[in-house]
PDB file of N, CA and C in Angstrom:
ATOM      1  N   TYR A   1      83.660 218.765 166.474  1.00  0.00           N
ATOM      2  CA  TYR A   1      82.718 218.088 165.581  1.00  0.00           C
ATOM      3  C   TYR A   1      81.307 218.314 166.090  1.00  0.00           C
ATOM      4  N   ASP A   2      80.424 218.678 165.153  1.00  0.00           N
ATOM      5  CA  ASP A   2      79.012 218.869 165.487  1.00  0.00           C
ATOM      6  C   ASP A   2      78.213 217.891 164.631  1.00  0.00           C
ATOM      7  N   GLY A   3      77.698 216.839 165.250  1.00  0.00           N
ATOM      8  CA  GLY A   3      76.976 215.802 164.519  1.00  0.00           C
ATOM      9  C   GLY A   3      75.716 216.286 163.832  1.00  0.00           C
ATOM     10  N   THR A   4      75.216 217.474 164.217  1.00  0.00           N
ATOM     11  CA  THR A   4      74.026 218.018 163.548  1.00  0.00           C
ATOM     12  C   THR A   4      74.399 218.884 162.350  1.00  0.00           C
ATOM     13  N   CYS A   5      75.688 219.144 162.159  1.00  0.00           N
ATOM     14  CA  CYS A   5      76.160 220.010 161.068  1.00  0.00           C
ATOM     15  C   CYS A   5      76.468 219.162 159.831  1.00  0.00           C
ATOM     16  N   VAL A   6      75.792 219.451 158.745  1.00  0.00           N
ATOM     17  CA  VAL A   6      75.984 218.660 157.524  1.00  0.00           C
ATOM     18  C   VAL A   6      77.422 218.782 157.003  1.00  0.00           C
ATOM     19  N   PHE A   7      78.056 219.946 157.140  1.00  0.00           N
ATOM     20  CA  PHE A   7      79.421 220.092 156.652  1.00  0.00           C
ATOM     21  C   PHE A   7      80.405 219.306 157.519  1.00  0.00           C
ATOM     22  N   CYS A   8      80.143 219.206 158.823  1.00  0.00           N
ATOM     23  CA  CYS A   8      80.981 218.341 159.678  1.00  0.00           C
ATOM     24  C   CYS A   8      80.855 216.886 159.227  1.00  0.00           C
ATOM     25  N   ARG A   9      79.633 216.475 158.921  1.00  0.00           N
ATOM     26  CA  ARG A   9      79.420 215.087 158.485  1.00  0.00           C
ATOM     27  C   ARG A   9      80.071 214.840 157.128  1.00  0.00           C
ATOM     28  N   ILE A  10      79.986 215.795 156.224  1.00  0.00           N
ATOM     29  CA  ILE A  10      80.643 215.644 154.917  1.00  0.00           C
ATOM     30  C   ILE A  10      82.151 215.538 155.119  1.00  0.00           C
ATOM     31  N   ALA A  11      82.717 216.402 155.956  1.00  0.00           N
ATOM     32  CA  ALA A  11      84.171 216.403 156.189  1.00  0.00           C
ATOM     33  C   ALA A  11      84.648 215.081 156.776  1.00  0.00           C
ATOM     34  N   ARG A  12      83.792 214.402 157.542  1.00  0.00           N
ATOM     35  CA  ARG A  12      84.146 213.107 158.136  1.00  0.00           C
ATOM     36  C   ARG A  12      83.704 211.933 157.259  1.00  0.00           C
ATOM     37  N   ARG A  13      83.289 212.239 156.028  1.00  0.00           N
ATOM     38  CA  ARG A  13      82.869 211.237 155.044  1.00  0.00           C
ATOM     39  C   ARG A  13      81.675 210.417 155.539  1.00  0.00           C
ATOM     40  N   GLU A  14      80.775 211.085 156.272  1.00  0.00           N
ATOM     41  CA  GLU A  14      79.579 210.432 156.786  1.00  0.00           C
ATOM     42  C   GLU A  14      78.352 210.710 155.917  1.00  0.00           C
ATOM     43  N   GLU A  15      78.539 211.452 154.837  1.00  0.00           N
ATOM     44  CA  GLU A  15      77.451 211.748 153.898  1.00  0.00           C
ATOM     45  C   GLU A  15      77.814 211.084 152.569  1.00  0.00           C
ATOM     46  N   PRO A  16      77.354 209.854 152.330  1.00  0.00           N
ATOM     47  CA  PRO A  16      77.786 209.113 151.141  1.00  0.00           C
ATOM     48  C   PRO A  16      77.404 209.780 149.821  1.00  0.00           C
ATOM     49  N   GLY A  17      76.421 210.653 149.825  1.00  0.00           N
ATOM     50  CA  GLY A  17      76.007 211.306 148.578  1.00  0.00           C
ATOM     51  C   GLY A  17      76.899 212.450 148.149  1.00  0.00           C
ATOM     52  N   THR A  18      77.864 212.826 148.982  1.00  0.00           N
ATOM     53  CA  THR A  18      78.743 213.951 148.658  1.00  0.00           C
ATOM     54  C   THR A  18      80.163 213.449 148.454  1.00  0.00           C
ATOM     55  N   ALA A  19      80.650 213.589 147.228  1.00  0.00           N
ATOM     56  CA  ALA A  19      82.013 213.169 146.909  1.00  0.00           C
ATOM     57  C   ALA A  19      82.985 214.293 147.240  1.00  0.00           C
ATOM     58  N   LEU A  20      84.034 213.952 147.976  1.00  0.00           N
ATOM     59  CA  LEU A  20      85.077 214.929 148.265  1.00  0.00           C
ATOM     60  C   LEU A  20      86.056 214.969 147.105  1.00  0.00           C
ATOM     61  N   LEU A  21      86.474 216.171 146.754  1.00  0.00           N
ATOM     62  CA  LEU A  21      87.456 216.354 145.690  1.00  0.00           C
ATOM     63  C   LEU A  21      88.851 216.276 146.295  1.00  0.00           C
ATOM     64  N   PRO A  22      89.843 215.875 145.503  1.00  0.00           N
ATOM     65  CA  PRO A  22      91.206 215.799 146.031  1.00  0.00           C
ATOM     66  C   PRO A  22      91.634 217.153 146.600  1.00  0.00           C
ATOM     67  N   CYS A  23      92.154 217.112 147.812  1.00  0.00           N
ATOM     68  CA  CYS A  23      92.546 218.324 148.521  1.00  0.00           C
ATOM     69  C   CYS A  23      93.874 218.056 149.204  1.00  0.00           C
ATOM     70  N   GLU A  24      94.837 218.928 149.003  1.00  0.00           N
ATOM     71  CA  GLU A  24      96.174 218.691 149.538  1.00  0.00           C
ATOM     72  C   GLU A  24      96.362 219.247 150.938  1.00  0.00           C
ATOM     73  N   ASP A  25      95.298 219.721 151.552  1.00  0.00           N
ATOM     74  CA  ASP A  25      95.371 220.255 152.908  1.00  0.00           C
ATOM     75  C   ASP A  25      94.523 219.363 153.805  1.00  0.00           C
ATOM     76  N   GLU A  26      95.144 218.686 154.753  1.00  0.00           N
ATOM     77  CA  GLU A  26      94.411 217.719 155.583  1.00  0.00           C
ATOM     78  C   GLU A  26      93.401 218.370 156.519  1.00  0.00           C
ATOM     79  N   ASP A  27      93.500 219.685 156.718  1.00  0.00           N
ATOM     80  CA  ASP A  27      92.561 220.384 157.600  1.00  0.00           C
ATOM     81  C   ASP A  27      91.348 220.927 156.855  1.00  0.00           C
ATOM     82  N   LEU A  28      91.321 220.733 155.528  1.00  0.00           N
ATOM     83  CA  LEU A  28      90.241 221.256 154.699  1.00  0.00           C
ATOM     84  C   LEU A  28      89.682 220.159 153.805  1.00  0.00           C
ATOM     85  N   VAL A  29      88.419 220.300 153.428  1.00  0.00           N
ATOM     86  CA  VAL A  29      87.815 219.441 152.413  1.00  0.00           C
ATOM     87  C   VAL A  29      87.186 220.335 151.359  1.00  0.00           C
ATOM     88  N   CYS A  30      86.981 219.774 150.191  1.00  0.00           N
ATOM     89  CA  CYS A  30      86.367 220.506 149.095  1.00  0.00           C
ATOM     90  C   CYS A  30      85.376 219.597 148.394  1.00  0.00           C
ATOM     91  N   PHE A  31      84.230 220.164 148.018  1.00  0.00           N
ATOM     92  CA  PHE A  31      83.208 219.408 147.301  1.00  0.00           C
ATOM     93  C   PHE A  31      82.369 220.368 146.465  1.00  0.00           C
ATOM     94  N   ARG A  32      81.614 219.803 145.539  1.00  0.00           N
ATOM     95  CA  ARG A  32      80.754 220.620 144.671  1.00  0.00           C
ATOM     96  C   ARG A  32      79.551 221.145 145.441  1.00  0.00           C
ATOM     97  N   ASP A  33      79.153 222.361 145.118  1.00  0.00           N
ATOM     98  CA  ASP A  33      77.951 222.941 145.709  1.00  0.00           C
ATOM     99  C   ASP A  33      76.736 222.223 145.121  1.00  0.00           C
ATOM    100  N   ILE A  34      75.737 221.944 145.953  1.00  0.00           N
ATOM    101  CA  ILE A  34      74.557 221.211 145.464  1.00  0.00           C
ATOM    102  C   ILE A  34      73.647 222.097 144.607  1.00  0.00           C
ATOM    103  N   LYS A  35      73.809 223.421 144.693  1.00  0.00           N
ATOM    104  CA  LYS A  35      73.052 224.353 143.853  1.00  0.00           C
ATOM    105  C   LYS A  35      74.056 225.275 143.160  1.00  0.00           C
ATOM    106  N   PRO A  36      74.747 224.753 142.150  1.00  0.00           N
ATOM    107  CA  PRO A  36      75.834 225.535 141.550  1.00  0.00           C
ATOM    108  C   PRO A  36      75.354 226.832 140.902  1.00  0.00           C
ATOM    109  N   GLY A  37      76.114 227.884 141.159  1.00  0.00           N
ATOM    110  CA  GLY A  37      75.823 229.189 140.569  1.00  0.00           C
ATOM    111  C   GLY A  37      76.682 229.461 139.351  1.00  0.00           C
ATOM    112  N   ALA A  38      77.591 228.537 139.022  1.00  0.00           N
ATOM    113  CA  ALA A  38      78.494 228.673 137.878  1.00  0.00           C
ATOM    114  C   ALA A  38      78.891 227.268 137.442  1.00  0.00           C
ATOM    115  N   PRO A  39      79.456 227.145 136.220  1.00  0.00           N
ATOM    116  CA  PRO A  39      79.887 225.818 135.765  1.00  0.00           C
ATOM    117  C   PRO A  39      80.818 225.112 136.766  1.00  0.00           C
ATOM    118  N   HIS A  40      81.695 225.865 137.414  1.00  0.00           N
ATOM    119  CA  HIS A  40      82.534 225.341 138.489  1.00  0.00           C
ATOM    120  C   HIS A  40      82.088 226.053 139.761  1.00  0.00           C
ATOM    121  N   HIS A  41      81.524 225.304 140.711  1.00  0.00           N
ATOM    122  CA  HIS A  41      81.106 225.902 141.979  1.00  0.00           C
ATOM    123  C   HIS A  41      81.443 224.904 143.085  1.00  0.00           C
ATOM    124  N   TYR A  42      82.476 225.238 143.837  1.00  0.00           N
ATOM    125  CA  TYR A  42      82.971 224.362 144.890  1.00  0.00           C
ATOM    126  C   TYR A  42      82.879 225.062 146.233  1.00  0.00           C
ATOM    127  N   LEU A  43      82.830 224.265 147.290  1.00  0.00           N
ATOM    128  CA  LEU A  43      82.891 224.778 148.652  1.00  0.00           C
ATOM    129  C   LEU A  43      84.144 224.229 149.306  1.00  0.00           C
ATOM    130  N   VAL A  44      84.907 225.105 149.924  1.00  0.00           N
ATOM    131  CA  VAL A  44      86.085 224.699 150.681  1.00  0.00           C
ATOM    132  C   VAL A  44      85.732 224.909 152.155  1.00  0.00           C
ATOM    133  N   VAL A  45      85.863 223.823 152.925  1.00  0.00           N
ATOM    134  CA  VAL A  45      85.338 223.784 154.290  1.00  0.00           C
ATOM    135  C   VAL A  45      86.406 223.252 155.251  1.00  0.00           C
ATOM    136  N   PRO A  46      86.605 223.909 156.393  1.00  0.00           N
ATOM    137  CA  PRO A  46      87.504 223.330 157.403  1.00  0.00           C
ATOM    138  C   PRO A  46      86.910 222.039 157.955  1.00  0.00           C
ATOM    139  N   VAL A  47      87.755 221.044 158.201  1.00  0.00           N
ATOM    140  CA  VAL A  47      87.300 219.788 158.784  1.00  0.00           C
ATOM    141  C   VAL A  47      86.786 220.054 160.205  1.00  0.00           C
ATOM    142  N   LYS A  48      87.506 220.870 160.941  1.00  0.00           N
ATOM    143  CA  LYS A  48      87.100 221.230 162.298  1.00  0.00           C
ATOM    144  C   LYS A  48      85.929 222.209 162.215  1.00  0.00           C
ATOM    145  N   HIS A  49      84.905 221.982 163.022  1.00  0.00           N
ATOM    146  CA  HIS A  49      83.737 222.869 162.993  1.00  0.00           C
ATOM    147  C   HIS A  49      84.131 224.279 163.404  1.00  0.00           C
ATOM    148  N   MET A  50      83.767 225.229 162.570  1.00  0.00           N
ATOM    149  CA  MET A  50      83.961 226.648 162.855  1.00  0.00           C
ATOM    150  C   MET A  50      82.656 227.341 162.550  1.00  0.00           C
ATOM    151  N   GLY A  51      82.407 228.430 163.234  1.00  0.00           N
ATOM    152  CA  GLY A  51      81.212 229.214 162.941  1.00  0.00           C
ATOM    153  C   GLY A  51      81.334 229.877 161.588  1.00  0.00           C
ATOM    154  N   ASN A  52      80.388 230.725 161.252  1.00  0.00           N
ATOM    155  CA  ASN A  52      80.385 231.399 159.948  1.00  0.00           C
ATOM    156  C   ASN A  52      81.490 232.465 159.884  1.00  0.00           C
ATOM    157  N   CYS A  53      81.545 233.188 158.787  1.00  0.00           N
ATOM    158  CA  CYS A  53      82.632 234.149 158.561  1.00  0.00           C
ATOM    159  C   CYS A  53      82.643 235.280 159.585  1.00  0.00           C
ATOM    160  N   LYS A  54      81.533 235.511 160.244  1.00  0.00           N
ATOM    161  CA  LYS A  54      81.474 236.565 161.256  1.00  0.00           C
ATOM    162  C   LYS A  54      82.340 236.227 162.470  1.00  0.00           C
ATOM    163  N   THR A  55      82.675 234.953 162.652  1.00  0.00           N
ATOM    164  CA  THR A  55      83.491 234.544 163.794  1.00  0.00           C
ATOM    165  C   THR A  55      84.992 234.612 163.492  1.00  0.00           C
ATOM    166  N   LEU A  56      85.352 234.953 162.250  1.00  0.00           N
ATOM    167  CA  LEU A  56      86.769 235.001 161.889  1.00  0.00           C
ATOM    168  C   LEU A  56      87.481 236.134 162.616  1.00  0.00           C
ATOM    169  N   LYS A  57      88.736 235.852 163.000  1.00  0.00           N
ATOM    170  CA  LYS A  57      89.576 236.828 163.674  1.00  0.00           C
ATOM    171  C   LYS A  57      90.907 236.916 162.924  1.00  0.00           C
ATOM    172  N   THR A  58      91.742 237.824 163.327  1.00  0.00           N
ATOM    173  CA  THR A  58      93.039 238.024 162.671  1.00  0.00           C
ATOM    174  C   THR A  58      93.828 236.724 162.585  1.00  0.00           C
ATOM    175  N   GLU A  59      93.763 235.904 163.614  1.00  0.00           N
ATOM    176  CA  GLU A  59      94.546 234.658 163.599  1.00  0.00           C
ATOM    177  C   GLU A  59      94.039 233.642 162.572  1.00  0.00           C
ATOM    178  N   HIS A  60      92.878 233.899 161.981  1.00  0.00           N
ATOM    179  CA  HIS A  60      92.333 232.991 160.967  1.00  0.00           C
ATOM    180  C   HIS A  60      92.771 233.353 159.540  1.00  0.00           C
ATOM    181  N   ILE A  61      93.523 234.438 159.383  1.00  0.00           N
ATOM    182  CA  ILE A  61      93.961 234.846 158.038  1.00  0.00           C
ATOM    183  C   ILE A  61      94.709 233.713 157.325  1.00  0.00           C
ATOM    184  N   PRO A  62      95.651 233.018 157.970  1.00  0.00           N
ATOM    185  CA  PRO A  62      96.322 231.912 157.265  1.00  0.00           C
ATOM    186  C   PRO A  62      95.341 230.819 156.820  1.00  0.00           C
ATOM    187  N   LEU A  63      94.325 230.535 157.622  1.00  0.00           N
ATOM    188  CA  LEU A  63      93.314 229.542 157.245  1.00  0.00           C
ATOM    189  C   LEU A  63      92.562 229.985 155.997  1.00  0.00           C
ATOM    190  N   VAL A  64      92.127 231.233 155.969  1.00  0.00           N
ATOM    191  CA  VAL A  64      91.380 231.740 154.811  1.00  0.00           C
ATOM    192  C   VAL A  64      92.267 231.716 153.565  1.00  0.00           C
ATOM    193  N   LYS A  65      93.534 232.074 153.721  1.00  0.00           N
ATOM    194  CA  LYS A  65      94.461 232.021 152.578  1.00  0.00           C
ATOM    195  C   LYS A  65      94.607 230.589 152.066  1.00  0.00           C
ATOM    196  N   ARG A  66      94.708 229.627 152.989  1.00  0.00           N
ATOM    197  CA  ARG A  66      94.799 228.212 152.581  1.00  0.00           C
ATOM    198  C   ARG A  66      93.517 227.778 151.886  1.00  0.00           C
ATOM    199  N   MET A  67      92.374 228.219 152.375  1.00  0.00           N
ATOM    200  CA  MET A  67      91.097 227.882 151.736  1.00  0.00           C
ATOM    201  C   MET A  67      91.091 228.396 150.302  1.00  0.00           C
ATOM    202  N   MET A  68      91.581 229.620 150.094  1.00  0.00           N
ATOM    203  CA  MET A  68      91.624 230.182 148.741  1.00  0.00           C
ATOM    204  C   MET A  68      92.592 229.401 147.853  1.00  0.00           C
ATOM    205  N   GLU A  69      93.726 229.001 148.393  1.00  0.00           N
ATOM    206  CA  GLU A  69      94.696 228.220 147.614  1.00  0.00           C
ATOM    207  C   GLU A  69      94.111 226.873 147.219  1.00  0.00           C
ATOM    208  N   VAL A  70      93.396 226.233 148.127  1.00  0.00           N
ATOM    209  CA  VAL A  70      92.739 224.957 147.809  1.00  0.00           C
ATOM    210  C   VAL A  70      91.714 225.188 146.701  1.00  0.00           C
ATOM    211  N   GLY A  71      90.944 226.265 146.797  1.00  0.00           N
ATOM    212  CA  GLY A  71      89.951 226.573 145.762  1.00  0.00           C
ATOM    213  C   GLY A  71      90.592 226.728 144.392  1.00  0.00           C
ATOM    214  N   LYS A  72      91.692 227.463 144.330  1.00  0.00           N
ATOM    215  CA  LYS A  72      92.406 227.650 143.059  1.00  0.00           C
ATOM    216  C   LYS A  72      92.941 226.325 142.532  1.00  0.00           C
ATOM    217  N   ALA A  73      93.505 225.517 143.431  1.00  0.00           N
ATOM    218  CA  ALA A  73      94.068 224.225 143.016  1.00  0.00           C
ATOM    219  C   ALA A  73      92.976 223.305 142.473  1.00  0.00           C
ATOM    220  N   VAL A  74      91.818 223.282 143.113  1.00  0.00           N
ATOM    221  CA  VAL A  74      90.712 222.436 142.642  1.00  0.00           C
ATOM    222  C   VAL A  74      90.240 222.906 141.272  1.00  0.00           C
ATOM    223  N   LEU A  75      90.167 224.206 141.061  1.00  0.00           N
ATOM    224  CA  LEU A  75      89.793 224.721 139.732  1.00  0.00           C
ATOM    225  C   LEU A  75      90.788 224.240 138.682  1.00  0.00           C
ATOM    226  N   GLN A  76      92.069 224.362 138.978  1.00  0.00           N
ATOM    227  CA  GLN A  76      93.088 223.958 138.012  1.00  0.00           C
ATOM    228  C   GLN A  76      93.039 222.462 137.738  1.00  0.00           C
ATOM    229  N   LYS A  77      92.785 221.654 138.779  1.00  0.00           N
ATOM    230  CA  LYS A  77      92.669 220.207 138.586  1.00  0.00           C
ATOM    231  C   LYS A  77      91.448 219.849 137.753  1.00  0.00           C
ATOM    232  N   ASN A  78      90.476 220.761 137.713  1.00  0.00           N
ATOM    233  CA  ASN A  78      89.268 220.536 136.919  1.00  0.00           C
ATOM    234  C   ASN A  78      89.294 221.338 135.623  1.00  0.00           C
ATOM    235  N   ASN A  79      90.509 221.564 135.130  1.00  0.00           N
ATOM    236  CA  ASN A  79      90.756 222.180 133.818  1.00  0.00           C
ATOM    237  C   ASN A  79      90.222 223.592 133.688  1.00  0.00           C
ATOM    238  N   PHE A  80      90.243 224.354 134.770  1.00  0.00           N
ATOM    239  CA  PHE A  80      89.909 225.777 134.683  1.00  0.00           C
ATOM    240  C   PHE A  80      91.156 226.544 135.091  1.00  0.00           C
ATOM    241  N   SER A  81      91.714 227.304 134.147  1.00  0.00           N
ATOM    242  CA  SER A  81      93.010 227.927 134.409  1.00  0.00           C
ATOM    243  C   SER A  81      92.980 229.452 134.478  1.00  0.00           C
ATOM    244  N   ASP A  82      91.878 230.105 134.079  1.00  0.00           N
ATOM    245  CA  ASP A  82      91.822 231.563 134.090  1.00  0.00           C
ATOM    246  C   ASP A  82      91.458 232.067 135.488  1.00  0.00           C
ATOM    247  N   LEU A  83      92.465 232.185 136.343  1.00  0.00           N
ATOM    248  CA  LEU A  83      92.216 232.564 137.731  1.00  0.00           C
ATOM    249  C   LEU A  83      91.823 234.031 137.880  1.00  0.00           C
ATOM    250  N   ASN A  84      91.785 234.775 136.765  1.00  0.00           N
ATOM    251  CA  ASN A  84      91.271 236.147 136.792  1.00  0.00           C
ATOM    252  C   ASN A  84      89.757 236.171 136.639  1.00  0.00           C
ATOM    253  N   ASP A  85      89.160 235.028 136.321  1.00  0.00           N
ATOM    254  CA  ASP A  85      87.708 234.940 136.103  1.00  0.00           C
ATOM    255  C   ASP A  85      87.078 234.042 137.177  1.00  0.00           C
ATOM    256  N   VAL A  86      87.468 234.286 138.426  1.00  0.00           N
ATOM    257  CA  VAL A  86      87.021 233.474 139.557  1.00  0.00           C
ATOM    258  C   VAL A  86      86.415 234.400 140.604  1.00  0.00           C
ATOM    259  N   ARG A  87      85.377 233.943 141.248  1.00  0.00           N
ATOM    260  CA  ARG A  87      84.807 234.670 142.385  1.00  0.00           C
ATOM    261  C   ARG A  87      84.866 233.763 143.601  1.00  0.00           C
ATOM    262  N   MET A  88      85.436 234.292 144.690  1.00  0.00           N
ATOM    263  CA  MET A  88      85.512 233.554 145.946  1.00  0.00           C
ATOM    264  C   MET A  88      84.986 234.438 147.064  1.00  0.00           C
ATOM    265  N   GLY A  89      84.255 233.826 147.972  1.00  0.00           N
ATOM    266  CA  GLY A  89      83.783 234.609 149.098  1.00  0.00           C
ATOM    267  C   GLY A  89      82.892 233.818 150.035  1.00  0.00           C
ATOM    268  N   PHE A  90      82.420 234.537 151.046  1.00  0.00           N
ATOM    269  CA  PHE A  90      81.580 233.977 152.101  1.00  0.00           C
ATOM    270  C   PHE A  90      80.257 234.731 152.153  1.00  0.00           C
ATOM    271  N   HIS A  91      79.180 234.024 152.444  1.00  0.00           N
ATOM    272  CA  HIS A  91      77.913 234.702 152.699  1.00  0.00           C
ATOM    273  C   HIS A  91      77.910 235.197 154.136  1.00  0.00           C
ATOM    274  N   TRP A  92      77.493 236.444 154.309  1.00  0.00           N
ATOM    275  CA  TRP A  92      77.460 237.098 155.612  1.00  0.00           C
ATOM    276  C   TRP A  92      76.146 236.761 156.306  1.00  0.00           C
ATOM    277  N   PRO A  93      76.197 236.391 157.581  1.00  0.00           N
ATOM    278  CA  PRO A  93      74.954 236.101 158.297  1.00  0.00           C
ATOM    279  C   PRO A  93      74.006 237.298 158.259  1.00  0.00           C
ATOM    280  N   PRO A  94      72.743 237.079 158.126  1.00  0.00           N
ATOM    281  CA  PRO A  94      72.016 235.811 158.189  1.00  0.00           C
ATOM    282  C   PRO A  94      71.836 235.150 156.821  1.00  0.00           C
ATOM    283  N   PHE A  95      72.665 235.511 155.848  1.00  0.00           N
ATOM    284  CA  PHE A  95      72.487 235.024 154.482  1.00  0.00           C
ATOM    285  C   PHE A  95      73.235 233.728 154.185  1.00  0.00           C
ATOM    286  N   CYS A  96      73.785 233.067 155.205  1.00  0.00           N
ATOM    287  CA  CYS A  96      74.435 231.776 154.985  1.00  0.00           C
ATOM    288  C   CYS A  96      73.515 230.684 155.527  1.00  0.00           C
ATOM    289  N   SER A  97      73.344 229.667 154.728  1.00  0.00           N
ATOM    290  CA  SER A  97      72.388 228.617 155.084  1.00  0.00           C
ATOM    291  C   SER A  97      72.975 227.572 156.033  1.00  0.00           C
ATOM    292  N   ILE A  98      74.289 227.429 156.066  1.00  0.00           N
ATOM    293  CA  ILE A  98      74.958 226.466 156.937  1.00  0.00           C
ATOM    294  C   ILE A  98      75.906 227.246 157.859  1.00  0.00           C
ATOM    295  N   ALA A  99      75.771 227.048 159.157  1.00  0.00           N
ATOM    296  CA  ALA A  99      76.581 227.793 160.129  1.00  0.00           C
ATOM    297  C   ALA A  99      77.922 227.100 160.375  1.00  0.00           C
ATOM    298  N   HIS A 100      78.599 226.744 159.308  1.00  0.00           N
ATOM    299  CA  HIS A 100      79.946 226.167 159.356  1.00  0.00           C
ATOM    300  C   HIS A 100      80.706 226.904 158.264  1.00  0.00           C
ATOM    301  N   LEU A 101      81.840 227.473 158.605  1.00  0.00           N
ATOM    302  CA  LEU A 101      82.603 228.279 157.661  1.00  0.00           C
ATOM    303  C   LEU A 101      82.771 227.545 156.334  1.00  0.00           C
ATOM    304  N   HIS A 102      82.456 228.222 155.228  1.00  0.00           N
ATOM    305  CA  HIS A 102      82.659 227.624 153.911  1.00  0.00           C
ATOM    306  C   HIS A 102      82.896 228.720 152.880  1.00  0.00           C
ATOM    307  N   LEU A 103      83.928 228.510 152.092  1.00  0.00           N
ATOM    308  CA  LEU A 103      84.309 229.444 151.037  1.00  0.00           C
ATOM    309  C   LEU A 103      83.687 228.989 149.731  1.00  0.00           C
ATOM    310  N   HIS A 104      82.933 229.879 149.087  1.00  0.00           N
ATOM    311  CA  HIS A 104      82.394 229.595 147.754  1.00  0.00           C
ATOM    312  C   HIS A 104      83.468 229.910 146.729  1.00  0.00           C
ATOM    313  N   VAL A 105      83.684 228.996 145.803  1.00  0.00           N
ATOM    314  CA  VAL A 105      84.639 229.163 144.706  1.00  0.00           C
ATOM    315  C   VAL A 105      83.837 228.977 143.427  1.00  0.00           C
ATOM    316  N   LEU A 106      83.669 230.072 142.658  1.00  0.00           N
ATOM    317  CA  LEU A 106      82.842 230.034 141.450  1.00  0.00           C
ATOM    318  C   LEU A 106      83.659 230.444 140.237  1.00  0.00           C
ATOM    319  N   ALA A 107      83.492 229.708 139.139  1.00  0.00           N
ATOM    320  CA  ALA A 107      84.202 230.036 137.910  1.00  0.00           C
ATOM    321  C   ALA A 107      83.471 229.424 136.717  1.00  0.00           C
ATOM    322  N   PRO A 108      83.527 230.028 135.572  1.00  0.00           N
ATOM    323  CA  PRO A 108      83.991 231.388 135.339  1.00  0.00           C
ATOM    324  C   PRO A 108      82.973 232.411 135.869  1.00  0.00           C
ATOM    325  N   ALA A 109      83.479 233.419 136.548  1.00  0.00           N
ATOM    326  CA  ALA A 109      82.608 234.457 137.105  1.00  0.00           C
ATOM    327  C   ALA A 109      81.870 235.195 135.993  1.00  0.00           C
ATOM    328  N   SER A 110      82.488 235.259 134.833  1.00  0.00           N
ATOM    329  CA  SER A 110      81.855 235.948 133.696  1.00  0.00           C
ATOM    330  C   SER A 110      80.616 235.214 133.195  1.00  0.00           C
ATOM    331  N   GLN A 111      80.420 233.970 133.603  1.00  0.00           N
ATOM    332  CA  GLN A 111      79.256 233.202 133.161  1.00  0.00           C
ATOM    333  C   GLN A 111      78.202 233.032 134.249  1.00  0.00           C
ATOM    334  N   LEU A 112      78.314 233.808 135.343  1.00  0.00           N
ATOM    335  CA  LEU A 112      77.284 233.746 136.369  1.00  0.00           C
ATOM    336  C   LEU A 112      75.975 234.247 135.781  1.00  0.00           C
ATOM    337  N   GLY A 113      74.892 233.533 136.062  1.00  0.00           N
ATOM    338  CA  GLY A 113      73.580 233.961 135.593  1.00  0.00           C
ATOM    339  C   GLY A 113      73.092 235.171 136.367  1.00  0.00           C
ATOM    340  N   PHE A 114      71.928 235.678 135.987  1.00  0.00           N
ATOM    341  CA  PHE A 114      71.375 236.889 136.602  1.00  0.00           C
ATOM    342  C   PHE A 114      71.270 236.759 138.115  1.00  0.00           C
ATOM    343  N   PHE A 115      70.619 235.708 138.597  1.00  0.00           N
ATOM    344  CA  PHE A 115      70.441 235.546 140.036  1.00  0.00           C
ATOM    345  C   PHE A 115      71.759 235.249 140.739  1.00  0.00           C
ATOM    346  N   SER A 116      72.629 234.487 140.102  1.00  0.00           N
ATOM    347  CA  SER A 116      73.929 234.202 140.708  1.00  0.00           C
ATOM    348  C   SER A 116      74.773 235.470 140.823  1.00  0.00           C
ATOM    349  N   ARG A 117      74.672 236.355 139.834  1.00  0.00           N
ATOM    350  CA  ARG A 117      75.407 237.622 139.925  1.00  0.00           C
ATOM    351  C   ARG A 117      74.928 238.434 141.123  1.00  0.00           C
ATOM    352  N   LEU A 118      73.651 238.341 141.434  1.00  0.00           N
ATOM    353  CA  LEU A 118      73.119 239.036 142.617  1.00  0.00           C
ATOM    354  C   LEU A 118      73.532 238.316 143.898  1.00  0.00           C
ATOM    355  N   TYR A 119      73.338 237.020 143.929  1.00  0.00           N
ATOM    356  CA  TYR A 119      73.570 236.215 145.128  1.00  0.00           C
ATOM    357  C   TYR A 119      75.046 236.203 145.528  1.00  0.00           C
ATOM    358  N   TYR A 120      75.925 236.249 144.538  1.00  0.00           N
ATOM    359  CA  TYR A 120      77.373 236.225 144.779  1.00  0.00           C
ATOM    360  C   TYR A 120      78.007 237.555 144.389  1.00  0.00           C
ATOM    361  N   ARG A 121      77.288 238.643 144.633  1.00  0.00           N
ATOM    362  CA  ARG A 121      77.761 239.981 144.270  1.00  0.00           C
ATOM    363  C   ARG A 121      78.907 240.395 145.193  1.00  0.00           C
ATOM    364  N   ILE A 122      79.995 240.827 144.581  1.00  0.00           N
ATOM    365  CA  ILE A 122      81.207 241.165 145.322  1.00  0.00           C
ATOM    366  C   ILE A 122      80.931 242.248 146.365  1.00  0.00           C
ATOM    367  N   ASN A 123      81.360 241.964 147.590  1.00  0.00           N
ATOM    368  CA  ASN A 123      81.287 242.897 148.711  1.00  0.00           C
ATOM    369  C   ASN A 123      79.931 243.574 148.872  1.00  0.00           C
ATOM    370  N   SER A 124      78.896 242.782 148.733  1.00  0.00           N
ATOM    371  CA  SER A 124      77.540 243.262 148.986  1.00  0.00           C
ATOM    372  C   SER A 124      77.263 243.103 150.483  1.00  0.00           C
ATOM    373  N   TYR A 125      76.049 243.388 150.883  1.00  0.00           N
ATOM    374  CA  TYR A 125      75.681 243.202 152.293  1.00  0.00           C
ATOM    375  C   TYR A 125      75.640 241.724 152.675  1.00  0.00           C
ATOM    376  N   TRP A 126      75.590 240.854 151.679  1.00  0.00           N
ATOM    377  CA  TRP A 126      75.386 239.433 151.964  1.00  0.00           C
ATOM    378  C   TRP A 126      76.530 238.535 151.496  1.00  0.00           C
ATOM    379  N   PHE A 127      77.474 239.058 150.708  1.00  0.00           N
ATOM    380  CA  PHE A 127      78.571 238.226 150.200  1.00  0.00           C
ATOM    381  C   PHE A 127      79.856 239.025 150.259  1.00  0.00           C
ATOM    382  N   ILE A 128      80.825 238.525 151.027  1.00  0.00           N
ATOM    383  CA  ILE A 128      82.092 239.235 151.172  1.00  0.00           C
ATOM    384  C   ILE A 128      83.228 238.427 150.573  1.00  0.00           C
ATOM    385  N   THR A 129      84.171 239.147 149.988  1.00  0.00           N
ATOM    386  CA  THR A 129      85.321 238.489 149.372  1.00  0.00           C
ATOM    387  C   THR A 129      86.558 238.721 150.219  1.00  0.00           C
TER     388      THR A 129
END
């Protein structure tokens, strides 16, 4: 736990302004992005503090898969069912604003605006899927 990390505080329910969405994985939390790039824009975050995506190793593959499953489940619980029109990924340092691992889940990807299409561009120098 890092008390200076806003995502650690959100995961521990210490940020009253951020509502956590129902999540079936006790090691992860999910909440809405404060600057949504799509009608559905959620962040899936490990409760335990982890560095950004650059710190991921082979042993983290199951964690990333669980993060993606939570993202899909949250979309479905929020009445979005076209999982072919979803964009998920991580911002690559130095393009991530919070140094705590977080998966962006955006839908429908077909409705991303001009800047969001750039900011969340698949496998760019700054956003990896």
